[in-house]
Amino acid sequence: MPNVTYIQPDGSRATLEVRSGQSVMDAALQAGVPGIVAECGGSCSCATCHVHVDEEWFVRLEPPTAIEVELLEFAADARPTSRLGCQIILAPELDGLTVHTPAAGNGR
C-alpha cells in the first residue's frame, strides 16, 4: 500500500498508508486530515480538496482533466503544482507522495 504524507501550513505532517485505488481526498477524510473539506464528496465539482503536490511528484501524476483545471482557477492559494485530491488516485508507483494543504484553507 502506498504512503502519502500530508503537510499542514504550520509544517506538521501526517503520513498515511493508503490502499491502491483510493484518492488522496478519501484517505485524508478518513484520517481526519485538516484542510481537506471535500464539500462535493469527490465528484470533481468544487475545489475544497485542493492540495499542492511536491514538484518531484507532480510530474509523475496523470495530467488534470479540463474540468479539474477549471475548478483550480477558483481554489484558494492555487499554484502551478495544485491538484484536486479527489483526482489523485493512489497506486504503488505513488508510494511516498507528498502533498501540502493550502495556507488559505479549502473552504473552512
N, C-alpha and C. Protein backbone atom coordinates (compact mmCIF):
# COMPACT_ATOMS: atom_id res chain seq x y z
N MET A 1 0.84 -1.18 0.00
CA MET A 1 0.00 0.00 0.00
C MET A 1 0.89 1.24 0.00
N PRO A 2 0.54 2.21 -0.83
CA PRO A 2 1.35 3.43 -0.88
C PRO A 2 1.18 4.30 0.36
N ASN A 3 2.23 5.02 0.69
CA ASN A 3 2.19 6.01 1.76
C ASN A 3 2.05 7.39 1.15
N VAL A 4 1.25 8.23 1.81
CA VAL A 4 1.08 9.62 1.41
C VAL A 4 1.35 10.48 2.63
N THR A 5 2.14 11.53 2.45
CA THR A 5 2.40 12.47 3.53
C THR A 5 1.67 13.76 3.24
N TYR A 6 0.88 14.20 4.20
CA TYR A 6 0.13 15.45 4.14
C TYR A 6 0.85 16.44 5.05
N ILE A 7 1.23 17.58 4.51
CA ILE A 7 1.93 18.60 5.29
C ILE A 7 1.02 19.81 5.44
N GLN A 8 0.84 20.22 6.68
CA GLN A 8 -0.01 21.37 7.01
C GLN A 8 0.80 22.67 6.87
N PRO A 9 0.13 23.80 6.76
CA PRO A 9 0.84 25.08 6.65
C PRO A 9 1.81 25.35 7.79
N ASP A 10 1.53 24.79 8.98
CA ASP A 10 2.43 25.00 10.12
C ASP A 10 3.62 24.03 10.13
N GLY A 11 3.68 23.17 9.11
CA GLY A 11 4.79 22.23 9.00
C GLY A 11 4.51 20.86 9.59
N SER A 12 3.41 20.71 10.33
CA SER A 12 3.09 19.40 10.89
C SER A 12 2.75 18.43 9.76
N ARG A 13 3.05 17.16 10.01
CA ARG A 13 2.91 16.14 8.98
C ARG A 13 2.08 14.97 9.48
N ALA A 14 1.38 14.35 8.55
CA ALA A 14 0.70 13.09 8.81
C ALA A 14 0.99 12.18 7.63
N THR A 15 1.56 11.02 7.90
CA THR A 15 1.83 10.05 6.83
C THR A 15 0.85 8.90 7.00
N LEU A 16 0.13 8.62 5.92
CA LEU A 16 -0.90 7.59 5.95
C LEU A 16 -0.56 6.48 4.97
N GLU A 17 -0.85 5.26 5.36
CA GLU A 17 -0.77 4.13 4.44
C GLU A 17 -2.15 4.04 3.79
N VAL A 18 -2.17 4.12 2.47
CA VAL A 18 -3.43 4.22 1.72
C VAL A 18 -3.53 3.06 0.75
N ARG A 19 -4.71 2.48 0.66
CA ARG A 19 -4.86 1.37 -0.28
C ARG A 19 -4.86 1.89 -1.71
N SER A 20 -4.31 1.13 -2.60
CA SER A 20 -4.31 1.49 -4.02
C SER A 20 -5.75 1.62 -4.49
N GLY A 21 -6.00 2.60 -5.34
CA GLY A 21 -7.34 2.86 -5.84
C GLY A 21 -8.09 3.90 -5.04
N GLN A 22 -7.58 4.28 -3.88
CA GLN A 22 -8.21 5.30 -3.05
C GLN A 22 -7.63 6.65 -3.42
N SER A 23 -8.42 7.70 -3.31
CA SER A 23 -7.94 9.04 -3.65
C SER A 23 -7.23 9.68 -2.45
N VAL A 24 -6.41 10.66 -2.76
CA VAL A 24 -5.75 11.46 -1.73
C VAL A 24 -6.81 12.10 -0.83
N MET A 25 -7.92 12.55 -1.43
CA MET A 25 -9.01 13.16 -0.67
C MET A 25 -9.67 12.17 0.28
N ASP A 26 -10.04 10.99 -0.23
CA ASP A 26 -10.71 9.98 0.61
C ASP A 26 -9.84 9.59 1.81
N ALA A 27 -8.58 9.35 1.56
CA ALA A 27 -7.68 8.96 2.64
C ALA A 27 -7.60 10.05 3.70
N ALA A 28 -7.53 11.31 3.25
CA ALA A 28 -7.45 12.44 4.19
C ALA A 28 -8.73 12.55 5.02
N LEU A 29 -9.87 12.39 4.38
CA LEU A 29 -11.14 12.47 5.11
C LEU A 29 -11.25 11.36 6.14
N GLN A 30 -10.91 10.15 5.77
CA GLN A 30 -11.00 9.03 6.70
C GLN A 30 -10.09 9.20 7.90
N ALA A 31 -8.95 9.85 7.69
CA ALA A 31 -7.99 10.04 8.79
C ALA A 31 -8.17 11.37 9.51
N GLY A 32 -9.10 12.21 9.05
CA GLY A 32 -9.31 13.50 9.70
C GLY A 32 -8.21 14.50 9.47
N VAL A 33 -7.57 14.45 8.31
CA VAL A 33 -6.50 15.40 7.99
C VAL A 33 -7.12 16.79 7.82
N PRO A 34 -6.66 17.78 8.59
CA PRO A 34 -7.20 19.14 8.45
C PRO A 34 -6.90 19.74 7.08
N GLY A 35 -7.79 20.60 6.62
CA GLY A 35 -7.57 21.33 5.39
C GLY A 35 -8.17 20.68 4.16
N ILE A 36 -8.66 19.45 4.29
CA ILE A 36 -9.32 18.76 3.18
C ILE A 36 -10.80 18.71 3.53
N VAL A 37 -11.61 19.54 2.87
CA VAL A 37 -13.02 19.66 3.21
C VAL A 37 -13.88 18.73 2.35
N ALA A 38 -13.67 18.73 1.06
CA ALA A 38 -14.38 17.84 0.12
C ALA A 38 -15.89 18.02 0.17
N GLU A 39 -16.33 19.24 -0.03
CA GLU A 39 -17.76 19.54 0.02
C GLU A 39 -18.58 18.73 -0.99
N CYS A 40 -18.02 18.43 -2.15
CA CYS A 40 -18.78 17.69 -3.18
C CYS A 40 -18.61 16.19 -3.03
N GLY A 41 -17.86 15.73 -2.05
CA GLY A 41 -17.70 14.31 -1.83
C GLY A 41 -16.84 13.59 -2.85
N GLY A 42 -16.09 14.33 -3.62
CA GLY A 42 -15.18 13.71 -4.58
C GLY A 42 -15.73 13.62 -5.99
N SER A 43 -16.76 14.40 -6.28
CA SER A 43 -17.35 14.34 -7.62
C SER A 43 -16.73 15.35 -8.59
N CYS A 44 -15.64 15.97 -8.19
CA CYS A 44 -14.92 16.94 -9.03
C CYS A 44 -15.84 18.09 -9.45
N SER A 45 -16.53 18.65 -8.45
CA SER A 45 -17.39 19.79 -8.75
C SER A 45 -17.17 20.96 -7.79
N CYS A 46 -16.09 20.90 -7.02
CA CYS A 46 -15.69 22.03 -6.18
C CYS A 46 -14.17 21.99 -6.11
N ALA A 47 -13.58 22.81 -5.30
CA ALA A 47 -12.12 22.78 -5.16
C ALA A 47 -11.71 22.72 -3.69
N THR A 48 -12.58 22.14 -2.86
CA THR A 48 -12.30 22.12 -1.42
C THR A 48 -11.45 20.93 -0.98
N CYS A 49 -10.91 20.19 -1.94
CA CYS A 49 -9.93 19.14 -1.62
C CYS A 49 -8.59 19.48 -2.27
N HIS A 50 -8.44 20.74 -2.63
CA HIS A 50 -7.24 21.26 -3.30
C HIS A 50 -6.00 21.02 -2.44
N VAL A 51 -4.94 20.55 -3.09
CA VAL A 51 -3.64 20.37 -2.44
C VAL A 51 -2.55 20.86 -3.37
N HIS A 52 -1.39 21.16 -2.80
CA HIS A 52 -0.19 21.45 -3.57
C HIS A 52 0.65 20.17 -3.54
N VAL A 53 1.02 19.69 -4.70
CA VAL A 53 1.80 18.46 -4.80
C VAL A 53 3.28 18.84 -4.89
N ASP A 54 4.13 18.15 -4.13
CA ASP A 54 5.57 18.40 -4.25
C ASP A 54 5.97 18.26 -5.71
N GLU A 55 6.86 19.14 -6.16
CA GLU A 55 7.24 19.17 -7.58
C GLU A 55 7.72 17.84 -8.10
N GLU A 56 8.52 17.11 -7.31
CA GLU A 56 9.05 15.83 -7.78
C GLU A 56 7.93 14.83 -8.06
N TRP A 57 6.82 14.96 -7.36
CA TRP A 57 5.68 14.06 -7.55
C TRP A 57 4.71 14.59 -8.59
N PHE A 58 4.61 15.89 -8.71
CA PHE A 58 3.65 16.49 -9.64
C PHE A 58 3.83 15.95 -11.06
N VAL A 59 5.06 15.84 -11.51
CA VAL A 59 5.34 15.38 -12.87
C VAL A 59 5.02 13.90 -13.07
N ARG A 60 4.85 13.16 -11.99
CA ARG A 60 4.55 11.73 -12.08
C ARG A 60 3.04 11.45 -12.17
N LEU A 61 2.24 12.47 -11.89
CA LEU A 61 0.79 12.28 -11.90
C LEU A 61 0.23 12.36 -13.31
N GLU A 62 -0.91 11.71 -13.50
CA GLU A 62 -1.64 11.87 -14.75
C GLU A 62 -2.02 13.34 -14.88
N PRO A 63 -2.03 13.89 -16.08
CA PRO A 63 -2.41 15.30 -16.23
C PRO A 63 -3.85 15.54 -15.78
N PRO A 64 -4.13 16.73 -15.28
CA PRO A 64 -5.50 17.04 -14.86
C PRO A 64 -6.45 17.13 -16.06
N THR A 65 -7.70 16.82 -15.81
CA THR A 65 -8.72 16.98 -16.85
C THR A 65 -9.04 18.47 -17.01
N ALA A 66 -9.73 18.81 -18.07
CA ALA A 66 -10.12 20.21 -18.29
C ALA A 66 -11.02 20.71 -17.16
N ILE A 67 -11.87 19.85 -16.65
CA ILE A 67 -12.76 20.24 -15.54
C ILE A 67 -11.94 20.56 -14.30
N GLU A 68 -10.96 19.72 -13.99
CA GLU A 68 -10.11 19.96 -12.83
C GLU A 68 -9.36 21.28 -12.97
N VAL A 69 -8.80 21.53 -14.14
CA VAL A 69 -8.07 22.78 -14.38
C VAL A 69 -9.00 23.97 -14.15
N GLU A 70 -10.22 23.88 -14.65
CA GLU A 70 -11.18 24.97 -14.47
C GLU A 70 -11.52 25.19 -13.00
N LEU A 71 -11.73 24.13 -12.26
CA LEU A 71 -12.04 24.26 -10.84
C LEU A 71 -10.87 24.84 -10.05
N LEU A 72 -9.66 24.50 -10.43
CA LEU A 72 -8.49 25.01 -9.72
C LEU A 72 -8.34 26.52 -9.87
N GLU A 73 -8.96 27.09 -10.89
CA GLU A 73 -8.93 28.55 -11.05
C GLU A 73 -9.62 29.25 -9.88
N PHE A 74 -10.51 28.54 -9.19
CA PHE A 74 -11.25 29.11 -8.07
C PHE A 74 -10.70 28.69 -6.72
N ALA A 75 -9.66 27.87 -6.71
CA ALA A 75 -9.09 27.37 -5.46
C ALA A 75 -8.28 28.46 -4.77
N ALA A 76 -8.41 28.52 -3.46
CA ALA A 76 -7.62 29.45 -2.66
C ALA A 76 -6.16 29.05 -2.73
N ASP A 77 -5.28 30.00 -2.95
CA ASP A 77 -3.83 29.77 -2.96
C ASP A 77 -3.39 28.77 -4.02
N ALA A 78 -4.03 28.80 -5.20
CA ALA A 78 -3.65 27.89 -6.29
C ALA A 78 -2.24 28.22 -6.78
N ARG A 79 -1.52 27.17 -7.14
CA ARG A 79 -0.15 27.28 -7.63
C ARG A 79 0.01 26.37 -8.84
N PRO A 80 1.15 26.46 -9.52
CA PRO A 80 1.36 25.58 -10.67
C PRO A 80 1.30 24.08 -10.34
N THR A 81 1.57 23.72 -9.09
CA THR A 81 1.53 22.30 -8.71
C THR A 81 0.24 21.94 -7.97
N SER A 82 -0.78 22.75 -8.12
CA SER A 82 -2.06 22.47 -7.47
C SER A 82 -2.80 21.36 -8.19
N ARG A 83 -3.46 20.53 -7.39
CA ARG A 83 -4.33 19.47 -7.92
C ARG A 83 -5.50 19.30 -6.96
N LEU A 84 -6.55 18.66 -7.42
CA LEU A 84 -7.66 18.29 -6.54
C LEU A 84 -7.37 16.89 -6.00
N GLY A 85 -7.44 16.77 -4.69
CA GLY A 85 -7.15 15.48 -4.05
C GLY A 85 -8.06 14.36 -4.51
N CYS A 86 -9.28 14.70 -4.92
CA CYS A 86 -10.22 13.67 -5.39
C CYS A 86 -9.79 13.08 -6.72
N GLN A 87 -8.92 13.77 -7.43
CA GLN A 87 -8.48 13.32 -8.74
C GLN A 87 -7.13 12.61 -8.73
N ILE A 88 -6.51 12.53 -7.56
CA ILE A 88 -5.23 11.81 -7.44
C ILE A 88 -5.54 10.45 -6.84
N ILE A 89 -5.49 9.43 -7.68
CA ILE A 89 -5.79 8.07 -7.25
C ILE A 89 -4.48 7.34 -6.98
N LEU A 90 -4.37 6.79 -5.78
CA LEU A 90 -3.13 6.17 -5.34
C LEU A 90 -2.90 4.82 -6.00
N ALA A 91 -1.66 4.58 -6.32
CA ALA A 91 -1.17 3.33 -6.90
C ALA A 91 0.22 3.08 -6.34
N PRO A 92 0.71 1.86 -6.43
CA PRO A 92 2.04 1.57 -5.86
C PRO A 92 3.14 2.51 -6.33
N GLU A 93 3.08 2.96 -7.58
CA GLU A 93 4.14 3.86 -8.08
C GLU A 93 4.09 5.25 -7.45
N LEU A 94 3.03 5.54 -6.69
CA LEU A 94 2.94 6.83 -6.00
C LEU A 94 3.30 6.71 -4.51
N ASP A 95 3.90 5.59 -4.13
CA ASP A 95 4.33 5.41 -2.75
C ASP A 95 5.33 6.50 -2.39
N GLY A 96 5.04 7.26 -1.35
CA GLY A 96 5.90 8.36 -0.91
C GLY A 96 5.39 9.72 -1.34
N LEU A 97 4.25 9.77 -2.04
CA LEU A 97 3.66 11.04 -2.48
C LEU A 97 3.55 12.01 -1.31
N THR A 98 3.90 13.27 -1.58
CA THR A 98 3.80 14.31 -0.57
C THR A 98 2.94 15.44 -1.11
N VAL A 99 1.94 15.83 -0.31
CA VAL A 99 1.05 16.94 -0.67
C VAL A 99 0.99 17.91 0.50
N HIS A 100 0.70 19.17 0.17
CA HIS A 100 0.59 20.23 1.18
C HIS A 100 -0.82 20.79 1.13
N THR A 101 -1.40 21.02 2.30
CA THR A 101 -2.69 21.68 2.32
C THR A 101 -2.44 23.19 2.22
N PRO A 102 -3.27 23.90 1.47
CA PRO A 102 -3.04 25.34 1.26
C PRO A 102 -3.17 26.15 2.54
N ALA A 103 -2.35 27.19 2.63
CA ALA A 103 -2.39 28.07 3.81
C ALA A 103 -3.73 28.76 3.95
N ALA A 104 -4.37 29.08 2.84
CA ALA A 104 -5.65 29.77 2.90
C ALA A 104 -6.80 28.84 3.24
N GLY A 105 -6.57 27.56 3.30
CA GLY A 105 -7.62 26.62 3.61
C GLY A 105 -8.43 26.25 2.39
N ASN A 106 -9.34 25.35 2.56
CA ASN A 106 -10.18 24.85 1.48
C ASN A 106 -11.65 25.00 1.82
N GLY A 107 -12.05 26.18 2.19
CA GLY A 107 -13.46 26.40 2.43
C GLY A 107 -13.89 26.43 3.88
N ARG A 108 -12.95 26.33 4.81
CA ARG A 108 -13.32 26.38 6.22
C ARG A 108 -12.76 27.62 6.85
